[in-house]
Protein backbone atom coordinates (compact mmCIF):
# COMPACT_ATOMS: atom_id res chain seq x y z
CA MET A 1 29.09 22.49 -18.47
CA THR A 2 26.76 19.58 -19.29
CA ASP A 3 24.03 19.73 -21.91
CA TYR A 4 20.69 19.17 -20.19
CA GLN A 5 19.34 16.96 -22.99
CA LYS A 6 22.36 14.68 -22.74
CA ALA A 7 22.06 14.67 -18.95
CA LEU A 8 18.48 13.39 -19.17
CA GLY A 9 19.69 10.28 -20.96
CA LEU A 10 21.98 9.40 -18.06
CA PHE A 11 19.27 9.15 -15.42
CA GLN A 12 17.97 5.73 -14.42
CA ARG A 13 14.68 4.84 -12.78
CA VAL A 14 14.85 4.42 -9.03
CA SER A 15 12.99 1.80 -7.06
CA ALA A 16 12.00 1.15 -3.48
CA PRO A 17 9.41 -1.22 -1.98
CA ALA A 18 6.07 0.49 -1.50
CA ILE A 19 4.30 0.39 1.86
CA GLY A 20 2.76 -3.05 2.26
CA ASP A 21 -0.67 -4.02 3.50
CA ALA A 22 0.76 -5.42 6.73
CA GLU A 23 2.15 -2.00 7.63
CA LEU A 24 -1.18 -0.36 6.82
CA ARG A 25 -2.95 -2.76 9.18
CA GLN A 26 -0.40 -2.01 11.90
CA ARG A 27 -1.00 1.71 11.45
CA ILE A 28 -4.73 1.22 11.87
CA ALA A 29 -4.21 -0.95 14.95
CA SER A 30 -1.97 1.71 16.51
CA LEU A 31 -4.52 4.41 15.79
CA GLN A 32 -7.30 2.33 17.31
CA ALA A 33 -5.25 1.73 20.46
CA ARG A 34 -4.79 5.49 20.84
CA MET A 35 -8.50 6.05 20.22
CA MET A 36 -9.42 3.62 22.99
CA THR A 37 -7.13 5.45 25.39
CA ASP A 38 -8.57 8.85 24.45
CA GLY A 39 -12.22 7.81 24.44
CA VAL A 40 -12.61 8.42 20.71
CA LYS A 41 -15.34 6.30 19.11
CA ALA A 42 -14.35 6.94 15.50
CA VAL A 43 -11.95 8.94 13.36
CA TRP A 44 -13.10 10.44 10.07
CA LEU A 45 -10.46 10.43 7.32
CA ASP A 46 -11.30 12.71 4.43
CA ALA A 47 -9.86 12.41 0.91
CA SER A 48 -6.47 13.44 2.28
CA SER A 49 -2.95 12.16 2.76
CA SER A 50 -4.06 10.67 6.09
CA LEU A 51 -6.55 8.46 4.24
CA THR A 52 -3.60 7.29 2.13
CA TYR A 53 -1.45 6.79 5.22
CA PHE A 54 -3.92 4.47 6.95
CA THR A 55 -5.65 2.74 4.03
CA GLY A 56 -3.35 3.10 1.03
CA ILE A 57 -6.12 4.81 -0.96
CA SER A 58 -5.56 8.12 -2.75
CA LEU A 59 -8.73 10.04 -3.60
CA GLY A 60 -9.11 13.52 -5.01
CA LEU A 61 -10.88 16.12 -2.88
CA SER A 62 -14.16 17.29 -4.41
CA GLU A 63 -17.51 18.75 -3.45
CA ARG A 64 -18.74 15.21 -2.73
CA ILE A 65 -17.64 13.70 0.56
CA HIS A 66 -15.51 10.62 0.13
CA GLY A 67 -13.36 8.95 2.76
CA ALA A 68 -13.46 6.49 5.64
CA PHE A 69 -14.41 6.06 9.29
CA ILE A 70 -12.02 4.11 11.48
CA PRO A 71 -13.85 2.96 14.62
CA ALA A 72 -12.01 2.33 17.87
CA SER A 73 -12.46 -1.37 17.18
CA GLY A 74 -13.74 -3.32 14.24
CA PRO A 75 -13.51 -2.87 10.49
CA ILE A 76 -13.30 0.36 8.53
CA THR A 77 -16.40 1.91 7.01
CA TYR A 78 -15.70 3.66 3.72
CA VAL A 79 -18.01 6.45 2.55
CA SER A 80 -18.54 6.90 -1.17
CA PRO A 81 -20.90 8.45 -3.68
CA ALA A 82 -22.87 5.53 -5.12
CA PHE A 83 -21.55 6.03 -8.64
CA GLU A 84 -17.94 5.93 -7.34
CA GLU A 85 -18.38 2.62 -5.49
CA PRO A 86 -17.05 0.39 -8.31
CA LYS A 87 -13.86 2.42 -8.53
CA LEU A 88 -13.47 2.48 -4.75
CA LYS A 89 -13.78 -1.30 -4.61
CA SER A 90 -10.95 -1.59 -7.14
CA LEU A 91 -8.73 0.54 -4.88
CA LEU A 92 -9.37 -1.21 -1.56
CA ARG A 93 -6.35 -2.72 0.14
CA ILE A 94 -7.89 -2.98 3.62
CA ASP A 95 -11.27 -4.67 3.78
CA GLY A 96 -14.26 -2.82 5.14
CA GLU A 97 -17.89 -1.95 4.58
CA ILE A 98 -18.83 0.71 2.04
CA LEU A 99 -21.53 3.22 2.95
CA VAL A 100 -22.84 4.66 -0.30
CA TRP A 101 -25.03 7.68 -0.79
CA GLU A 102 -27.05 8.88 -3.75
CA GLU A 103 -26.99 12.43 -5.08
CA ASP A 104 -30.30 13.33 -3.41
CA GLU A 105 -29.34 11.88 0.00
CA SER A 106 -27.48 13.42 2.91
CA PRO A 107 -24.27 11.45 3.42
CA PHE A 108 -23.92 13.09 6.82
CA ALA A 109 -27.22 11.75 8.08
CA LEU A 110 -26.28 8.27 6.87
CA ALA A 111 -22.88 8.61 8.51
CA ALA A 112 -24.44 9.66 11.81
CA GLU A 113 -26.53 6.50 11.84
CA ARG A 114 -23.50 4.36 11.05
CA ILE A 115 -21.39 5.93 13.82
CA ASP A 116 -24.18 5.35 16.32
CA ALA A 117 -24.22 1.71 15.23
CA PHE A 118 -20.53 1.14 15.90
CA SER A 119 -20.27 -1.31 18.81
CA CYS A 120 -17.01 0.09 20.16
CA ALA A 121 -16.66 2.22 23.26
CA GLY A 122 -16.19 5.97 23.22
CA GLU A 123 -18.36 8.98 22.48
CA THR A 124 -16.20 11.38 20.50
CA LEU A 125 -15.79 11.72 16.75
CA ALA A 126 -12.35 12.99 15.75
CA ILE A 127 -12.26 14.67 12.34
CA ASP A 128 -9.33 14.71 9.96
CA PRO A 129 -7.93 18.29 10.04
CA ALA A 130 -7.82 18.23 6.22
CA THR A 131 -11.63 17.95 6.09
CA PRO A 132 -13.21 20.97 4.36
CA PHE A 133 -15.14 23.20 6.75
CA SER A 134 -18.42 22.59 4.94
CA PHE A 135 -18.11 18.85 5.59
CA ALA A 136 -17.04 19.30 9.22
CA ALA A 137 -19.91 21.70 9.84
CA ALA A 138 -22.37 19.22 8.38
CA TYR A 139 -21.09 16.51 10.72
CA MET A 140 -21.48 18.87 13.66
CA GLN A 141 -25.09 19.55 12.70
CA GLN A 142 -26.01 15.88 12.30
CA LEU A 143 -24.18 14.21 15.18
CA ARG A 144 -25.32 14.30 18.78
CA ARG A 145 -21.87 13.61 20.18
CA PRO A 146 -18.66 15.52 20.93
CA ILE A 147 -16.53 16.34 17.89
CA ILE A 148 -12.82 17.19 18.03
CA SER A 149 -9.92 17.55 15.62
CA ALA A 150 -7.97 14.36 14.95
CA GLN A 151 -4.81 16.42 14.39
CA ALA A 152 -3.06 15.34 17.58
CA ILE A 153 -3.67 11.62 17.30
CA ILE A 154 -2.92 11.49 13.58
CA ALA A 155 0.22 13.63 13.77
CA ALA A 156 1.59 11.69 16.72
CA GLN A 157 1.65 8.62 14.52
CA ARG A 158 2.48 10.04 11.11
CA GLN A 159 5.47 12.07 12.25
CA ILE A 160 7.30 8.90 13.34
CA LYS A 161 8.41 7.27 10.10
CA SER A 162 8.94 3.52 9.79
CA ALA A 163 12.03 1.97 8.23
CA ALA A 164 10.01 1.40 5.05
CA GLU A 165 9.01 5.06 4.88
CA ILE A 166 12.57 6.24 5.45
CA ALA A 167 13.80 3.92 2.69
CA ILE A 168 11.32 5.44 0.21
CA ILE A 169 12.22 8.99 1.21
CA GLN A 170 15.91 8.11 0.86
CA GLU A 171 15.39 7.00 -2.74
CA ALA A 172 13.38 10.13 -3.51
CA MET A 173 15.97 12.39 -1.89
CA ASP A 174 18.83 10.68 -3.75
CA ALA A 175 16.98 11.24 -7.01
CA SER A 176 16.47 14.95 -6.32
CA TYR A 177 20.07 15.31 -5.21
CA ARG A 178 21.20 13.94 -8.58
CA VAL A 179 18.98 16.48 -10.30
CA GLN A 180 20.54 19.27 -8.21
CA LYS A 181 24.00 18.18 -9.32
CA ALA A 182 22.91 18.06 -12.96
CA VAL A 183 21.37 21.53 -12.78
CA TYR A 184 24.60 22.92 -11.35
CA ALA A 185 26.70 21.22 -14.02
CA GLY A 186 24.50 22.46 -16.86
CA LEU A 187 24.13 26.14 -16.03
CA ARG A 188 25.28 28.54 -18.71
CA ARG A 189 25.20 32.28 -19.24
CA GLY A 190 21.84 33.33 -20.68
CA ILE A 191 19.87 30.28 -19.55
CA SER A 192 16.41 31.09 -18.22
CA THR A 193 14.79 29.93 -15.00
CA THR A 194 12.04 28.47 -17.19
CA GLU A 195 14.49 26.19 -19.00
CA VAL A 196 16.02 25.09 -15.71
CA GLY A 197 12.57 24.30 -14.35
CA GLN A 198 11.65 22.26 -17.39
CA PHE A 199 14.82 20.21 -16.95
CA ILE A 200 14.07 19.62 -13.25
CA THR A 201 10.61 18.31 -14.13
CA ALA A 202 11.94 16.06 -16.89
CA ALA A 203 14.81 14.77 -14.75
CA HIS A 204 12.48 13.65 -11.98
CA SER A 205 10.23 11.93 -14.50
CA ALA A 206 13.25 10.18 -16.02
CA GLN A 207 13.98 8.64 -12.63
CA GLY A 208 10.43 7.41 -12.17
CA LEU A 209 9.31 10.11 -9.73
CA LYS A 210 6.23 12.22 -10.15
CA PRO A 211 7.45 15.83 -10.36
CA LEU A 212 6.21 17.82 -7.37
CA PHE A 213 7.56 21.36 -7.72
CA TYR A 214 10.58 23.42 -8.59
CA ALA A 215 11.87 26.92 -7.88
CA ALA A 216 14.67 28.38 -9.97
CA GLN A 217 15.73 31.88 -8.95
CA PHE A 218 18.64 34.03 -10.16
CA GLY A 219 20.16 37.24 -8.82
CA GLU A 220 17.99 39.48 -6.66
CA ALA A 221 15.06 37.03 -6.96
CA THR A 222 16.94 34.63 -4.64
CA ALA A 223 16.18 37.00 -1.75
CA TYR A 224 12.51 36.04 -1.71
CA PRO A 225 11.66 32.66 -0.16
CA HIS A 226 8.98 31.82 -2.75
CA GLY A 227 10.55 33.65 -5.65
CA VAL A 228 9.09 36.32 -7.91
CA PRO A 229 6.44 36.03 -10.63
CA ASP A 230 8.74 36.69 -13.59
CA ALA A 231 11.42 34.49 -15.15
CA GLN A 232 15.07 35.51 -14.96
CA THR A 233 18.08 35.04 -17.24
CA LEU A 234 21.41 33.98 -15.78
CA ASN A 235 24.35 36.38 -15.73
CA ASP A 236 27.90 36.08 -14.40
CA GLY A 237 28.05 36.72 -10.69
CA ASP A 238 24.39 35.90 -10.06
CA MET A 239 23.34 34.07 -6.94
CA VAL A 240 21.44 30.93 -7.96
CA LEU A 241 18.78 29.27 -5.81
CA ILE A 242 17.36 25.90 -6.89
CA ASP A 243 14.61 24.23 -4.85
CA MET A 244 12.82 21.05 -5.94
CA GLY A 245 10.87 18.00 -4.96
CA GLY A 246 9.45 14.79 -6.39
CA ILE A 247 7.08 12.02 -5.30
CA LEU A 248 7.86 8.32 -4.95
CA HIS A 249 5.12 5.98 -3.68
CA GLY A 250 3.37 9.07 -2.35
CA TYR A 251 6.39 10.29 -0.32
CA ARG A 252 8.04 13.63 -1.00
CA SER A 253 11.58 14.85 -1.52
CA ASP A 254 12.63 18.44 -0.88
CA ILE A 255 16.09 19.94 -1.32
CA THR A 256 17.51 23.40 -1.98
CA ARG A 257 20.97 24.51 -3.07
CA THR A 258 22.27 28.07 -3.42
CA TYR A 259 25.54 29.10 -5.05
CA VAL A 260 27.08 31.70 -7.34
CA PHE A 261 27.40 31.41 -11.11
CA GLY A 262 30.98 32.45 -11.69
CA GLN A 263 33.29 34.00 -9.14
CA PRO A 264 31.63 34.84 -5.80
CA SER A 265 32.08 38.32 -4.40
CA GLU A 266 33.32 38.80 -0.86
CA ARG A 267 29.79 39.74 0.19
CA GLN A 268 28.23 36.66 -1.42
CA ARG A 269 30.80 34.42 0.22
CA PHE A 270 30.11 36.00 3.60
CA LEU A 271 26.35 35.48 3.29
CA TRP A 272 26.77 31.90 2.06
CA ASN A 273 29.10 30.99 4.93
CA ILE A 274 26.72 32.43 7.54
CA GLU A 275 23.88 30.37 6.07
CA ARG A 276 26.05 27.25 6.11
CA ASP A 277 26.93 27.84 9.75
CA ALA A 278 23.28 28.37 10.75
CA HIS A 279 22.32 25.20 8.88
CA ALA A 280 25.05 23.22 10.68
CA ALA A 281 24.11 24.64 14.08
CA ALA A 282 20.49 23.59 13.65
CA PHE A 283 21.57 20.06 12.72
CA GLU A 284 23.84 19.85 15.76
CA ALA A 285 20.98 20.99 18.01
CA ALA A 286 18.61 18.36 16.61
CA GLN A 287 19.31 15.68 19.19
CA PRO A 288 16.88 13.10 20.60
CA ASP A 289 14.46 14.72 23.07
CA ALA A 290 15.48 18.23 22.03
CA ALA A 291 12.52 20.53 21.45
CA CYS A 292 11.82 21.63 17.90
CA ALA A 293 12.02 25.21 19.17
CA ASP A 294 15.62 24.64 20.28
CA VAL A 295 16.64 23.70 16.75
CA ASP A 296 15.09 26.88 15.40
CA ALA A 297 16.83 28.90 18.14
CA ALA A 298 20.24 27.41 17.30
CA ALA A 299 20.01 28.59 13.70
CA ARG A 300 18.76 32.06 14.69
CA LYS A 301 21.60 32.50 17.18
CA VAL A 302 24.17 32.10 14.42
CA LEU A 303 22.34 34.61 12.26
CA GLY A 304 21.84 36.99 15.16
CA ASP A 305 25.50 36.84 16.16
CA ALA A 306 26.34 37.84 12.59
CA GLY A 307 24.09 40.88 12.79
CA PHE A 308 20.93 39.53 11.15
CA GLY A 309 17.42 39.65 12.57
CA PRO A 310 16.52 39.63 15.38
CA GLY A 311 13.64 37.23 15.27
CA TYR A 312 11.92 37.24 11.89
CA LYS A 313 13.21 40.64 10.79
CA VAL A 314 14.95 40.98 7.43
CA PRO A 315 17.85 40.99 6.65
CA GLY A 316 17.60 37.65 8.39
CA LEU A 317 15.38 34.57 8.55
CA PRO A 318 11.70 35.53 8.05
CA HIS A 319 10.18 32.07 8.45
CA ARG A 320 10.51 28.87 10.50
CA THR A 321 13.74 26.89 10.27
CA GLY A 322 12.10 23.70 9.00
CA HIS A 323 9.11 21.43 8.53
CA GLY A 324 8.32 17.74 8.64
CA LEU A 325 8.30 15.70 5.45
CA GLY A 326 6.45 12.58 4.40
CA LEU A 327 3.25 12.09 2.44
CA ASP A 328 2.93 15.89 2.59
CA ILE A 329 5.66 18.32 1.63
CA HIS A 330 4.93 20.26 4.85
CA GLU A 331 3.77 18.29 7.89
CA GLU A 332 4.61 17.91 11.56
CA PRO A 333 6.97 18.33 13.28
CA TYR A 334 7.55 22.01 12.53
CA ILE A 335 10.93 23.45 13.47
CA VAL A 336 9.72 26.76 14.83
CA ALA A 337 9.86 28.87 17.97
CA GLY A 338 7.31 27.82 20.56
CA ASN A 339 7.04 24.21 19.39
CA THR A 340 7.84 22.08 22.43
CA THR A 341 7.51 18.78 20.52
CA LYS A 342 10.47 16.58 21.41
CA LEU A 343 12.47 15.08 18.57
CA GLN A 344 12.15 11.30 18.47
CA PRO A 345 13.68 8.56 16.31
CA GLY A 346 11.84 8.31 13.02
CA MET A 347 11.01 12.00 12.69
CA CYS A 348 11.97 13.51 9.33
CA PHE A 349 12.26 17.27 8.88
CA SER A 350 13.96 19.95 6.85
CA ILE A 351 16.67 22.29 8.08
CA GLU A 352 16.53 25.46 5.97
CA PRO A 353 17.28 28.67 7.90
CA MET A 354 17.19 30.90 4.80
CA LEU A 355 19.13 34.15 4.96
CA CYS A 356 17.14 36.81 3.09
CA VAL A 357 18.53 40.20 2.14
CA TYR A 358 15.71 41.86 0.21
CA GLY A 359 16.86 43.83 -2.82
CA GLU A 360 20.19 42.00 -2.90
CA CYS A 361 20.10 38.20 -2.71
CA GLY A 362 19.25 35.27 -0.49
CA VAL A 363 20.84 31.98 0.50
CA ARG A 364 18.91 28.84 1.39
CA LEU A 365 20.56 25.50 2.03
CA GLU A 366 17.78 23.00 2.64
CA ASP A 367 18.40 19.41 3.57
CA ILE A 368 16.17 16.78 5.15
CA ALA A 369 17.32 15.08 8.33
CA TYR A 370 15.88 12.07 10.10
CA MET A 371 16.27 11.20 13.74
CA THR A 372 17.84 8.03 15.08
CA ALA A 373 18.44 6.97 18.67
CA GLU A 374 22.03 8.17 18.26
CA GLY A 375 21.17 11.54 16.73
CA PRO A 376 20.26 13.16 13.43
CA LYS A 377 21.33 11.91 10.03
CA TRP A 378 21.15 13.59 6.65
CA PHE A 379 19.45 11.94 3.70
CA CYS A 380 21.88 13.76 1.39
CA PRO A 381 25.30 15.26 2.09
CA PRO A 382 25.13 18.96 3.01
CA GLU A 383 27.27 21.61 1.36
CA THR A 384 30.24 22.77 3.40
CA SER A 385 32.18 24.96 0.94
CA LEU A 386 31.07 27.37 -1.76
CA ASP A 387 34.20 26.39 -3.67
CA ARG A 388 33.58 22.62 -3.54
CA LEU A 389 29.89 22.16 -4.19
CA PHE A 390 28.56 18.59 -4.33
CA ALA A 391 32.01 17.34 -3.38
CA SER A 392 30.63 14.80 -0.88
CA GLY A 393 27.90 13.32 -3.04
CA SER A 394 28.13 10.15 -5.06
CA ASP A 395 27.16 10.02 -8.74
């Protein structure tokens, strides 16, 4: 057992090069090429992760519209409340015009005039899917042109990670993996999930990551994918589920481990091994050009053959097998039945076919994989034996 306070002193800050301006410009150029092909005149990026992806700017969502238009050709037009313009200028990494609006003006009317003035081809405005409905509705009222969701064209680009993005995610995942190991080493009888969570937060901060979230669940609470509202205290024989994530240069980590505190029962070992096998089957199915739905099906087959399910029924797997990861904790591609998206090099996604047995316990082994031309690779080593946890990982 390791004291958590002592463990905090052993962590070192991680580092990875942030996304450079040259890559941002390439992202914009790629988006504009797709817009030209699709007949899209401009894309509206709200104060969302997509604005960060294309411009490097992070803005908080509020009741005042704030974001950017990317035309099919030509420079960006940023939209800002007038009193926020000085701050926006200090954040700009990609040059562009700034369209400001006063509190008593309609930013949507001003934006409509600016879109009409864009010299590029195309008729359609594609709106960031993260745009609040009130903003999207206002655009629809003001503009005399077709309006569509930009989901498809944005996701097609964002779900293929560059080498620089993968390097950042790798550092973030390595940091969270070290925290997982430290949590495991420091568990003791009587510890609370609150104390474990506080350590997870502090351990990410000690490594230079912004803490994102944690879930610490003991005993029966492990059966529920998003936990229960009350804290638990650890007892011998409890199943332990630890889920966590941090943020490095805007990119997320996400990793879950489940194990037993003390000696596993025969039933616990059986459930853990089935989860491990479903996890491994999904990874094996995640080959280039395989459909996301096929990966989900591979995990469910293992669970179904063991008597769980079928489908989303519990005892079994009540949710999708995985989700994409990047600037958002959940993004495309989603590893779920019906998703025909083909896996391509650069895609990053979780594999987490959680086995839930309500009223008893649950097991989730969550790891993030990324696709290469040769097949999938893990960011962190998966668990293969309940008796040799973290045996493959480096310190």
